[in-house]
């Protein structure tokens, strides 16, 4: 979305044309995703811990994995949100490949959510496996 704004502003103010470079937008997108993760991440982790959304550990696994019991799960939602927001802000939304990649990301995010849901709510340590 910002690309469209910068293209419009670049018609009158040539300095905005620098945002047409993919490398600059990639760096800014990375910094945006990192900032979103740093700002939203601690709150999401606290909320997941407060809701006791922790993973149960498989009994047939190594004994060293037992210390992971109660570790908050569904953290992929944080990654999904930061990457989706960043893509919508900085990517060229007129490019069909951007939409294919974004929908694929969301699709795999749904699969991950279902897997974590089965682990947490249904107490099935195998998830979708």
Protein backbone atom coordinates (compact mmCIF):
# COMPACT_ATOMS: atom_id res chain seq x y z
CA UNK A 1 0.00 0.00 0.00
CA UNK A 2 2.81 2.38 0.81
CA UNK A 3 4.30 1.80 -2.64
CA UNK A 4 1.18 3.29 -4.23
CA UNK A 5 1.40 6.30 -1.90
CA UNK A 6 5.08 6.83 -2.65
CA UNK A 7 4.49 6.49 -6.41
CA UNK A 8 1.81 9.18 -6.18
CA UNK A 9 4.00 11.46 -4.07
CA UNK A 10 6.97 10.78 -6.38
CA UNK A 11 5.18 12.56 -9.21
CA UNK A 12 5.72 15.87 -7.43
CA UNK A 13 8.57 15.14 -5.02
CA UNK A 14 11.29 13.13 -6.73
CA UNK A 15 12.86 11.99 -3.44
CA UNK A 16 9.96 9.56 -2.95
CA UNK A 17 11.02 7.65 -6.06
CA UNK A 18 13.68 5.91 -3.94
CA UNK A 19 10.89 3.71 -2.54
CA UNK A 20 10.54 2.16 -5.98
CA UNK A 21 13.73 0.17 -5.31
CA UNK A 22 12.99 -3.35 -4.15
CA UNK A 23 16.11 -3.54 -1.96
CA UNK A 24 15.12 -0.49 0.07
CA UNK A 25 11.60 -1.80 0.55
CA UNK A 26 13.00 -5.20 1.60
CA UNK A 27 15.19 -3.58 4.27
CA UNK A 28 12.30 -1.43 5.50
CA UNK A 29 9.97 -4.45 5.51
CA UNK A 30 12.47 -6.41 7.59
CA UNK A 31 12.76 -3.57 10.08
CA UNK A 32 8.97 -3.21 10.20
CA UNK A 33 8.44 -6.92 10.89
CA UNK A 34 11.15 -6.86 13.56
CA UNK A 35 9.58 -3.82 15.21
CA UNK A 36 6.12 -5.38 15.20
CA UNK A 37 7.53 -8.57 16.74
CA UNK A 38 9.42 -6.67 19.45
CA UNK A 39 6.42 -4.52 20.35
CA UNK A 40 3.65 -7.13 20.15
CA UNK A 41 5.70 -10.22 21.07
CA UNK A 42 6.03 -9.77 24.85
CA UNK A 43 2.31 -9.03 25.21
CA UNK A 44 1.39 -12.11 23.16
CA UNK A 45 3.72 -14.33 25.20
CA UNK A 46 2.32 -12.98 28.49
CA UNK A 47 -1.24 -13.56 27.26
CA UNK A 48 -0.49 -17.12 26.10
CA UNK A 49 1.20 -17.87 29.42
CA UNK A 50 -1.72 -16.38 31.39
CA UNK A 51 -4.20 -18.48 29.39
CA UNK A 52 -2.01 -21.52 30.07
CA UNK A 53 -1.80 -22.26 26.38
CA UNK A 54 1.15 -24.57 26.73
CA UNK A 55 2.20 -27.63 24.84
CA UNK A 56 1.93 -31.09 26.32
CA UNK A 57 5.01 -33.24 25.78
CA UNK A 58 4.84 -36.63 24.08
CA UNK A 59 5.49 -39.47 26.49
CA UNK A 60 7.43 -41.47 23.90
CA UNK A 61 9.99 -38.69 23.34
CA UNK A 62 13.33 -38.10 25.02
CA UNK A 63 13.31 -37.41 28.76
CA UNK A 64 15.11 -34.11 28.13
CA UNK A 65 11.97 -32.80 26.39
CA UNK A 66 9.92 -33.03 29.60
CA UNK A 67 11.22 -29.63 30.69
CA UNK A 68 9.39 -28.13 27.70
CA UNK A 69 6.01 -28.93 29.28
CA UNK A 70 3.94 -25.76 29.57
CA UNK A 71 5.98 -23.79 27.03
CA UNK A 72 3.56 -21.36 25.34
CA UNK A 73 2.53 -22.53 21.91
CA UNK A 74 0.72 -20.77 19.05
CA UNK A 75 3.61 -18.31 18.78
CA UNK A 76 3.44 -18.70 15.01
CA UNK A 77 0.51 -16.29 15.13
CA UNK A 78 2.96 -13.53 16.04
CA UNK A 79 5.12 -14.33 13.02
CA UNK A 80 2.06 -14.59 10.80
CA UNK A 81 0.74 -11.19 11.89
CA UNK A 82 4.06 -9.38 11.54
CA UNK A 83 4.82 -10.83 8.09
CA UNK A 84 1.27 -10.26 6.81
CA UNK A 85 1.13 -6.64 7.98
CA UNK A 86 4.61 -5.98 6.62
CA UNK A 87 3.76 -7.53 3.26
CA UNK A 88 0.58 -5.48 2.98
CA UNK A 89 2.53 -2.32 3.80
CA UNK A 90 5.67 -2.69 1.68
CA UNK A 91 5.03 -5.18 -1.14
CA UNK A 92 3.84 -4.40 -4.66
CA UNK A 93 0.21 -5.48 -4.25
CA UNK A 94 -0.38 -5.33 -7.98
CA UNK A 95 1.96 -8.33 -8.38
CA UNK A 96 0.04 -11.62 -8.44
CA UNK A 97 3.00 -13.52 -6.98
CA UNK A 98 2.81 -11.41 -3.82
CA UNK A 99 -0.79 -12.54 -3.33
CA UNK A 100 0.10 -16.18 -4.02
CA UNK A 101 2.88 -16.03 -1.43
CA UNK A 102 0.68 -14.23 1.10
CA UNK A 103 -2.22 -16.66 0.70
CA UNK A 104 0.19 -19.60 0.96
CA UNK A 105 1.60 -18.13 4.16
CA UNK A 106 -1.88 -17.69 5.62
CA UNK A 107 -2.84 -21.21 4.52
CA UNK A 108 0.13 -22.75 6.29
CA UNK A 109 -0.63 -20.52 9.27
CA UNK A 110 -4.12 -22.03 9.45
CA UNK A 111 -2.60 -25.52 9.35
CA UNK A 112 -0.25 -24.54 12.19
CA UNK A 113 -3.13 -23.09 14.19
CA UNK A 114 -5.17 -26.29 13.80
CA UNK A 115 -2.14 -28.34 14.83
CA UNK A 116 -1.54 -26.20 17.93
CA UNK A 117 -5.28 -26.20 18.74
CA UNK A 118 -5.33 -29.99 18.76
CA UNK A 119 -2.26 -30.04 20.98
CA UNK A 120 -3.56 -27.48 23.46
CA UNK A 121 -7.35 -27.88 23.60
CA UNK A 122 -7.69 -31.55 22.74
CA UNK A 123 -4.50 -32.40 24.71
CA UNK A 124 -3.30 -34.48 21.76
CA UNK A 125 0.50 -34.18 21.82
CA UNK A 126 0.71 -35.51 18.24
CA UNK A 127 -1.24 -32.58 16.74
CA UNK A 128 -1.92 -33.28 13.07
CA UNK A 129 0.80 -35.94 12.84
